Protein backbone atom coordinates (compact mmCIF):
# COMPACT_ATOMS: atom_id res chain seq x y z
CA MET A 1 66.28 108.61 157.11
CA ALA A 2 62.78 107.16 157.29
CA LYS A 3 60.49 109.17 159.55
CA LEU A 4 59.20 107.05 162.43
CA THR A 5 55.89 107.63 164.16
CA SER A 6 54.94 105.99 167.41
CA LEU A 7 52.89 103.05 166.13
CA LYS A 8 53.93 100.55 163.49
CA GLU A 9 51.65 97.59 162.79
CA ASN A 10 52.05 94.39 160.77
CA GLN A 11 55.48 95.28 159.41
CA LEU A 12 57.40 92.66 157.43
CA VAL A 13 60.59 91.89 159.37
CA TYR A 14 63.38 89.42 160.04
CA VAL A 15 64.88 88.88 163.49
CA LEU A 16 68.64 89.39 163.35
CA HIS A 17 69.53 88.77 167.00
CA THR A 18 68.09 88.63 170.52
CA TYR A 19 69.75 88.99 173.91
CA PRO A 20 68.54 89.19 177.53
CA PHE A 21 67.30 92.47 178.95
CA LYS A 22 66.57 92.89 182.65
CA GLU A 23 65.02 89.85 184.36
CA THR A 24 62.34 88.67 181.96
CA SER A 25 62.69 90.62 178.73
CA LEU A 26 64.69 90.48 175.49
CA ILE A 27 66.24 93.05 173.21
CA VAL A 28 65.31 92.12 169.65
CA GLU A 29 67.31 93.46 166.72
CA ILE A 30 65.17 93.32 163.58
CA PHE A 31 65.57 94.17 159.90
CA SER A 32 62.29 95.62 158.62
CA LYS A 33 61.30 96.15 155.02
CA GLU A 34 60.10 99.71 155.50
CA PHE A 35 62.21 101.06 158.38
CA GLY A 36 65.51 99.17 158.20
CA ARG A 37 67.29 98.01 161.34
CA ILE A 38 65.32 98.61 164.54
CA SER A 39 65.99 97.75 168.20
CA LEU A 40 62.95 96.53 170.15
CA VAL A 41 62.34 95.41 173.70
CA ALA A 42 60.14 92.33 174.01
CA LYS A 43 58.78 92.71 177.53
CA GLY A 44 58.37 89.45 179.41
CA ALA A 45 59.54 87.40 176.41
CA ARG A 46 61.77 85.21 178.59
CA ARG A 47 58.82 84.04 180.68
CA PRO A 48 57.80 80.43 179.85
CA LYS A 49 54.23 81.38 178.90
CA SER A 50 55.09 84.49 176.87
CA ALA A 51 53.24 84.72 173.55
CA LEU A 52 56.31 86.38 172.02
CA ARG A 53 58.85 83.80 173.14
CA GLY A 54 58.31 81.18 170.45
CA MET A 55 57.93 83.66 167.63
CA LEU A 56 61.33 85.34 167.80
CA GLN A 57 62.92 83.09 165.20
CA SER A 58 65.76 84.19 162.95
CA PHE A 59 65.75 83.51 159.18
CA GLN A 60 61.94 83.55 159.03
CA ALA A 61 59.76 86.23 157.50
CA LEU A 62 57.54 87.64 160.25
CA GLU A 63 54.99 90.39 160.80
CA ALA A 64 55.72 92.60 163.79
CA SER A 65 54.03 95.52 165.52
CA TRP A 66 55.79 97.98 167.79
CA SER A 67 55.53 101.44 169.25
CA GLY A 68 57.83 104.15 170.55
CA ASN A 69 59.80 107.13 169.31
CA GLY A 70 63.12 106.50 171.07
CA GLU A 71 66.01 104.36 169.88
CA LEU A 72 64.62 101.37 171.82
CA LYS A 73 60.99 100.71 170.90
CA THR A 74 58.49 98.26 172.38
CA LEU A 75 57.46 95.09 170.53
CA TYR A 76 53.91 94.05 171.33
CA ALA A 77 53.01 91.53 168.60
CA ILE A 78 54.77 89.23 166.15
CA ASP A 79 53.50 86.40 163.99
CA TRP A 80 54.38 84.12 161.07
CA CYS A 81 53.54 85.46 157.63
CA GLU A 82 55.10 82.90 155.28
CA GLN A 83 56.01 79.23 155.13
CA TYR A 84 58.67 78.13 157.60
CA LEU A 85 62.18 77.96 156.08
CA PRO A 86 64.32 75.13 157.47
CA MET A 87 67.93 76.14 158.15
CA THR A 88 70.51 73.47 158.91
CA GLY A 89 74.23 72.81 158.57
CA ASN A 90 76.22 75.27 156.48
CA ALA A 91 73.08 77.20 155.54
CA LEU A 92 72.40 77.91 159.22
CA ILE A 93 75.99 79.07 159.79
CA CYS A 94 75.79 81.32 156.74
CA GLY A 95 72.54 82.78 158.03
CA PHE A 96 74.23 83.75 161.29
CA TYR A 97 77.08 85.29 159.29
CA LEU A 98 74.76 87.43 157.17
CA ASN A 99 72.80 88.57 160.22
CA GLU A 100 75.98 89.62 161.97
CA LEU A 101 77.06 91.53 158.87
CA LEU A 102 73.79 93.47 158.92
CA LEU A 103 74.13 94.18 162.64
CA ARG A 104 77.66 95.47 162.19
CA LEU A 105 77.29 97.46 158.99
CA LEU A 106 73.69 98.66 158.65
CA PRO A 107 72.93 102.04 160.24
CA LYS A 108 69.76 102.10 162.33
CA GLU A 109 66.40 103.30 161.09
CA ASP A 110 67.34 103.86 157.45
CA ASN A 111 65.24 102.38 154.69
CA TYR A 112 66.94 99.61 152.71
CA GLU A 113 63.97 98.04 150.98
CA SER A 114 65.96 96.72 148.02
CA LEU A 115 68.46 95.08 150.37
CA PHE A 116 65.62 93.66 152.47
CA ASN A 117 64.08 92.04 149.40
CA PHE A 118 67.48 90.62 148.42
CA TYR A 119 67.95 89.28 151.96
CA HIS A 120 64.52 87.64 151.73
CA THR A 121 65.52 85.89 148.49
CA THR A 122 68.88 84.93 150.03
CA MET A 123 67.17 83.24 152.99
CA GLU A 124 65.01 81.23 150.60
CA ARG A 125 68.08 80.10 148.65
CA LEU A 126 69.99 79.17 151.79
CA SER A 127 67.06 77.11 153.07
CA LYS A 128 67.23 75.09 149.85
CA ASN A 129 71.04 74.78 150.00
CA LEU A 130 71.36 76.35 146.55
CA THR A 131 74.99 77.21 145.68
CA ILE A 132 75.66 78.52 149.17
CA GLY A 133 79.06 80.07 148.42
CA ILE A 134 77.79 81.98 145.41
CA THR A 135 74.71 83.06 147.37
CA LEU A 136 77.00 84.59 150.01
CA ARG A 137 79.12 86.42 147.44
CA LYS A 138 76.08 87.97 145.83
CA PHE A 139 74.71 89.16 149.15
CA GLU A 140 78.05 90.56 150.31
CA LEU A 141 78.37 92.52 147.09
CA LYS A 142 74.77 93.75 147.25
CA LEU A 143 75.26 94.85 150.86
CA LEU A 144 78.36 96.94 150.13
CA LEU A 145 76.75 98.56 147.11
CA GLU A 146 73.57 99.39 149.05
CA LEU A 147 75.66 100.96 151.80
CA GLY A 148 77.24 103.25 149.23
CA TYR A 149 80.65 101.60 149.03
CA GLU A 150 81.80 101.61 145.43
CA VAL A 151 82.96 98.18 144.25
CA ALA A 152 84.13 98.89 140.70
CA LEU A 153 84.22 95.69 138.66
CA LYS A 154 84.07 96.73 135.01
CA VAL A 155 86.62 99.56 135.01
CA ASP A 156 89.88 99.96 136.91
CA ALA A 157 90.87 102.79 139.27
CA ASN A 158 91.87 104.89 136.26
CA SER A 159 88.48 104.38 134.56
CA LYS A 160 89.95 102.01 131.97
CA GLU A 161 87.94 98.96 130.97
CA ILE A 162 88.99 95.81 132.84
CA GLN A 163 90.83 93.36 130.59
CA ALA A 164 90.09 89.66 131.05
CA ASP A 165 93.68 88.53 130.43
CA LYS A 166 95.28 90.90 132.95
CA THR A 167 95.97 90.53 136.65
CA TYR A 168 94.99 93.40 138.95
CA TYR A 169 95.63 94.53 142.50
CA TYR A 170 92.38 95.56 144.14
CA GLU A 171 92.30 98.23 146.85
CA ALA A 172 89.24 99.04 148.96
CA GLU A 173 87.81 102.49 148.15
CA PHE A 174 89.96 102.80 145.02
CA GLY A 175 89.42 99.72 142.87
CA ALA A 176 91.72 97.75 140.58
CA PHE A 177 95.26 98.75 139.64
CA GLU A 178 97.50 97.04 137.10
CA LYS A 179 100.56 97.51 139.33
CA LEU A 180 101.05 96.85 143.01
CA ARG A 181 100.93 100.13 144.96
CA THR A 182 100.43 98.99 148.55
CA GLU A 183 100.34 95.83 150.65
CA LYS A 184 96.73 96.69 151.48
CA SER A 185 95.50 95.15 148.25
CA ILE A 186 94.56 91.74 146.89
CA LYS A 187 95.51 90.13 143.59
CA VAL A 188 92.59 89.23 141.33
CA ALA A 189 92.21 88.20 137.70
CA GLY A 190 90.55 90.57 135.28
CA GLN A 191 88.22 87.77 134.20
CA THR A 192 87.00 87.40 137.78
CA LEU A 193 86.15 91.10 138.01
CA ILE A 194 84.32 90.95 134.69
CA ASP A 195 82.41 87.84 135.76
CA MET A 196 81.41 89.46 139.06
CA GLY A 197 80.27 92.59 137.25
CA ASN A 198 78.08 90.41 135.04
CA ASN A 199 76.74 88.44 138.05
CA ASN A 200 78.37 85.30 136.64
CA PHE A 201 80.00 83.10 139.28
CA GLY A 202 79.93 79.89 137.26
CA SER A 203 83.65 79.19 136.91
CA ALA A 204 85.63 77.64 139.76
CA ALA A 205 88.31 80.35 139.47
CA THR A 206 85.78 83.15 139.71
CA GLU A 207 84.02 81.51 142.66
CA LEU A 208 87.30 81.18 144.58
CA GLN A 209 88.73 84.60 143.74
CA SER A 210 85.42 86.37 144.37
CA LYS A 211 85.34 84.80 147.84
CA ASN A 212 88.83 86.12 148.58
CA LEU A 213 88.02 89.57 147.19
CA MET A 214 84.75 89.93 149.09
CA ARG A 215 86.31 88.78 152.36
CA PHE A 216 89.10 91.31 151.83
CA LEU A 217 86.57 94.12 151.29
CA ILE A 218 84.22 93.03 154.10
CA ASN A 219 87.13 92.89 156.55
CA TYR A 220 88.25 96.35 155.48
CA TYR A 221 84.85 97.91 156.16
CA LEU A 222 84.37 96.01 159.42
CA GLY A 223 87.62 97.40 160.81
CA ASP A 224 89.62 95.81 163.60
CA LYS A 225 86.83 93.84 165.26
CA PRO A 226 86.32 90.45 163.53
CA LEU A 227 82.96 88.76 163.17
CA ASN A 228 82.10 86.11 165.75
CA SER A 229 80.33 83.96 163.16
CA LYS A 230 83.36 83.97 160.87
CA GLN A 231 85.04 81.46 163.17
CA LEU A 232 82.30 78.94 162.41
CA PHE A 233 83.26 78.47 158.76
CA LEU A 234 86.40 78.83 156.71
CA ASN A 235 85.64 77.34 153.34
CA ILE A 236 82.30 78.86 152.36
């Protein structure tokens, strides 16, 4: 766990979510490059003339400063640090989905710099509407791997090399089996697993099956409580 001192200045962050706190303030959930997921209170941010109010924008790279040693720290400055990224339509919905994933799965105050950099690149791709579905699959896979969940794609559960012409039954936490063992599995082509392992989502079959596989795995690790943002899109 990253060691936190009281004062952090000019930290590169993304705002994941905000919600009201007391009469005039906001709780701000951020993802920071150096310190991971942090909860901040933005005092007075709901007042019309607050300097913080207009800066708490999701999907934009920001520089933030905060202080405090407890779980809830105090935000006292935030500003733009890069060009504004426009988010509309499906890209906007996908952004909400990814932010909710981070809120649900990322532990607080752990460093995930590699994931942060990947998130940064993902936001840029979404803002340009570049292969949105594939962009989501890559981030979902990166997230699970960064969290320490093994997603074996090149060998099966028995450490045998995946064969492109075979059909497998994939189980969370175990991997691919050639035979059905439990209903808590999903059917997937060997070629799809190989393609995913090689970061190749070019074929229509791989794009579709990788979506089904990643949703199966994400749902498993989320548990019984579904994502709110998931209801906004079904085909991405």
